[in-house]
């Protein structure tokens, strides 16, 4: 059985450098949980992250073993991602994290359906007591024209990287549009802050066309 490596299939979207680049993001499917509050201290945020991964891995192995209506298939579970915003964007820029809102996500292959996800959720429910299972949903997100950049180090030092990305967009005739996205290429629960690698992506509207 050939294993689908979606980091290679969507290589342009899951690799980046310290130099901003333009990307076109197709509609992609995710399982997601939406919440609010400081990710450093919010129990809701921690619960959301610890809910997504058991469901994603259960789903992967159910499909691989032929325990769903799908033909058996194998694929890799993708890195954690999140979209971030605030009602007052000054709070986002000033890093007033207590007012932040977020949607944590894991990429899902397009052959995953609501029906199959529901089977995985019920299987997880029988084994684990996870606070946000009922908040999890399957959705398709369309970001389209975007720019992205790699940030190395602590999340608390991201602002210069974000500003460089925004300046790049404006220099290319763009206006920020849509939600700030971060893709976490390593596990912040296991990796020292200075070793973290994060792709930062911002959709935009091209005003020069």
Foldseek 3Di string as FASTA:
>chain_A
DDEAEVCVVPVVVNDAAQAKDKDFDAWFKKKKFKDAFACVDDPVNVLRVVQRVQLQVLLQVCLQVVVDPDHRHHYDWFFKKKWKQAPDRVCVLVVVRGRMIMMIITTDPPVDDPVSSVVSLVVVVVPDDGDCSVRIDMDIDGQTIKMKHKDAFAPVPCNVSVVSRCVVQVVQQKDFDDTKMKTWPDDPVPDHRRGTIIMIMTRIDRRVD
